[in-house]
């Protein structure tokens, strides 16, 4: 959340492209990590559920 706020602030303050791009890519990495972790948990639950069926 803080990183997204920082990105918004940079954009609103017309920061240079490199700064905006850097924060944007860092935010993208965090989002990607979140969804990878979430998908792994869902897959584990499905495997467990199929094992009990």
N, C-alpha and C. Protein backbone atom coordinates (compact mmCIF):
# COMPACT_ATOMS: atom_id res chain seq x y z
N UNK A 1 0.82 -1.18 0.00
CA UNK A 1 0.00 0.00 0.00
C UNK A 1 0.87 1.26 0.00
N UNK A 2 1.93 1.23 0.80
CA UNK A 2 2.83 2.39 0.86
C UNK A 2 3.52 2.63 -0.47
N UNK A 3 3.86 1.56 -1.15
CA UNK A 3 4.53 1.70 -2.43
C UNK A 3 3.57 2.30 -3.46
N UNK A 4 2.33 1.91 -3.41
CA UNK A 4 1.34 2.47 -4.33
C UNK A 4 1.12 3.95 -4.05
N UNK A 5 1.10 4.31 -2.77
CA UNK A 5 0.97 5.71 -2.40
C UNK A 5 2.17 6.52 -2.89
N UNK A 6 3.35 5.91 -2.78
CA UNK A 6 4.57 6.58 -3.26
C UNK A 6 4.49 6.80 -4.77
N UNK A 7 4.02 5.80 -5.49
CA UNK A 7 3.89 5.91 -6.93
C UNK A 7 2.90 7.02 -7.28
N UNK A 8 1.76 7.04 -6.61
CA UNK A 8 0.78 8.09 -6.86
C UNK A 8 1.37 9.47 -6.60
N UNK A 9 2.13 9.57 -5.53
CA UNK A 9 2.75 10.85 -5.19
C UNK A 9 3.74 11.28 -6.28
N UNK A 10 4.55 10.35 -6.75
CA UNK A 10 5.51 10.66 -7.81
C UNK A 10 4.80 11.14 -9.07
N UNK A 11 3.73 10.46 -9.42
CA UNK A 11 2.98 10.83 -10.62
C UNK A 11 2.35 12.21 -10.45
N UNK A 12 1.73 12.43 -9.30
CA UNK A 12 1.08 13.71 -9.05
C UNK A 12 2.06 14.88 -9.00
N UNK A 13 3.30 14.59 -8.60
CA UNK A 13 4.31 15.65 -8.50
C UNK A 13 5.16 15.75 -9.76
N UNK A 14 4.73 15.07 -10.81
CA UNK A 14 5.46 15.10 -12.09
C UNK A 14 6.93 14.73 -11.95
N UNK A 15 7.18 13.67 -11.21
CA UNK A 15 8.56 13.20 -11.04
C UNK A 15 9.10 12.70 -12.37
N UNK A 16 10.40 12.52 -12.41
CA UNK A 16 11.02 12.06 -13.66
C UNK A 16 10.60 10.62 -13.96
N UNK A 17 10.65 10.30 -15.24
CA UNK A 17 10.19 8.99 -15.74
C UNK A 17 10.91 7.84 -15.04
N UNK A 18 12.20 7.97 -14.85
CA UNK A 18 12.99 6.88 -14.26
C UNK A 18 12.51 6.56 -12.84
N UNK A 19 12.21 7.57 -12.06
CA UNK A 19 11.73 7.35 -10.69
C UNK A 19 10.37 6.66 -10.69
N UNK A 20 9.48 7.14 -11.54
CA UNK A 20 8.15 6.54 -11.65
C UNK A 20 8.25 5.10 -12.12
N UNK A 21 9.08 4.86 -13.12
CA UNK A 21 9.24 3.52 -13.66
C UNK A 21 9.79 2.57 -12.60
N UNK A 22 10.78 3.02 -11.84
CA UNK A 22 11.39 2.17 -10.81
C UNK A 22 10.36 1.75 -9.77
N UNK A 23 9.60 2.71 -9.26
CA UNK A 23 8.60 2.38 -8.24
C UNK A 23 7.50 1.51 -8.84
N UNK A 24 7.12 1.79 -10.06
CA UNK A 24 6.09 1.01 -10.73
C UNK A 24 6.50 -0.45 -10.88
N UNK A 25 7.74 -0.69 -11.28
CA UNK A 25 8.20 -2.07 -11.44
C UNK A 25 8.33 -2.78 -10.10
N UNK A 26 8.71 -2.06 -9.06
CA UNK A 26 8.77 -2.66 -7.73
C UNK A 26 7.36 -3.05 -7.27
N UNK A 27 6.39 -2.22 -7.53
CA UNK A 27 5.02 -2.52 -7.19
C UNK A 27 4.52 -3.73 -7.97
N UNK A 28 4.85 -3.78 -9.24
CA UNK A 28 4.47 -4.94 -10.07
C UNK A 28 5.04 -6.24 -9.51
N UNK A 29 6.28 -6.20 -9.03
CA UNK A 29 6.91 -7.39 -8.46
C UNK A 29 6.17 -7.84 -7.21
N UNK A 30 5.79 -6.90 -6.37
CA UNK A 30 5.05 -7.25 -5.16
C UNK A 30 3.70 -7.87 -5.49
N UNK A 31 3.02 -7.29 -6.46
CA UNK A 31 1.72 -7.83 -6.89
C UNK A 31 1.89 -9.24 -7.44
N UNK A 32 2.90 -9.44 -8.26
CA UNK A 32 3.17 -10.76 -8.82
C UNK A 32 3.46 -11.77 -7.72
N UNK A 33 4.29 -11.40 -6.75
CA UNK A 33 4.59 -12.30 -5.63
C UNK A 33 3.33 -12.66 -4.85
N UNK A 34 2.47 -11.68 -4.64
CA UNK A 34 1.22 -11.93 -3.91
C UNK A 34 0.38 -12.98 -4.63
N UNK A 35 0.19 -12.80 -5.92
CA UNK A 35 -0.67 -13.73 -6.66
C UNK A 35 -0.02 -15.10 -6.83
N UNK A 36 1.29 -15.15 -6.93
CA UNK A 36 1.97 -16.46 -6.98
C UNK A 36 1.72 -17.22 -5.68
N UNK A 37 1.89 -16.52 -4.57
CA UNK A 37 1.68 -17.15 -3.26
C UNK A 37 0.23 -17.58 -3.09
N UNK A 38 -0.67 -16.73 -3.50
CA UNK A 38 -2.10 -17.04 -3.39
C UNK A 38 -2.46 -18.26 -4.25
N UNK A 39 -1.94 -18.32 -5.46
CA UNK A 39 -2.22 -19.45 -6.34
C UNK A 39 -1.64 -20.74 -5.78
N UNK A 40 -0.46 -20.66 -5.17
CA UNK A 40 0.13 -21.86 -4.57
C UNK A 40 -0.75 -22.38 -3.45
N UNK A 41 -1.32 -21.49 -2.65
CA UNK A 41 -2.20 -21.92 -1.56
C UNK A 41 -3.46 -22.57 -2.12
N UNK A 42 -4.03 -22.01 -3.17
CA UNK A 42 -5.24 -22.57 -3.78
C UNK A 42 -4.94 -23.96 -4.34
N UNK A 43 -3.82 -24.11 -5.01
CA UNK A 43 -3.45 -25.40 -5.59
C UNK A 43 -3.26 -26.44 -4.49
N UNK A 44 -2.60 -26.06 -3.40
CA UNK A 44 -2.40 -26.99 -2.29
C UNK A 44 -3.74 -27.43 -1.70
N UNK A 45 -4.68 -26.50 -1.57
CA UNK A 45 -6.00 -26.85 -1.04
C UNK A 45 -6.73 -27.80 -1.99
N UNK A 46 -6.62 -27.56 -3.29
CA UNK A 46 -7.27 -28.44 -4.26
C UNK A 46 -6.67 -29.84 -4.22
N UNK A 47 -5.36 -29.92 -4.13
CA UNK A 47 -4.69 -31.22 -4.06
C UNK A 47 -5.11 -31.96 -2.80
N UNK A 48 -5.16 -31.23 -1.69
CA UNK A 48 -5.58 -31.84 -0.44
C UNK A 48 -7.02 -32.33 -0.53
N UNK A 49 -7.88 -31.50 -1.12
CA UNK A 49 -9.30 -31.86 -1.25
C UNK A 49 -9.46 -33.10 -2.14
N UNK A 50 -8.70 -33.17 -3.26
CA UNK A 50 -8.77 -34.33 -4.15
C UNK A 50 -8.24 -35.58 -3.44
N UNK A 51 -7.27 -35.41 -2.57
CA UNK A 51 -6.73 -36.55 -1.83
C UNK A 51 -7.72 -37.11 -0.85
N UNK A 52 -8.62 -36.27 -0.36
CA UNK A 52 -9.63 -36.71 0.60
C UNK A 52 -10.88 -37.23 -0.08
N UNK A 53 -11.00 -36.99 -1.36
CA UNK A 53 -12.23 -37.40 -2.09
C UNK A 53 -12.23 -38.88 -2.38
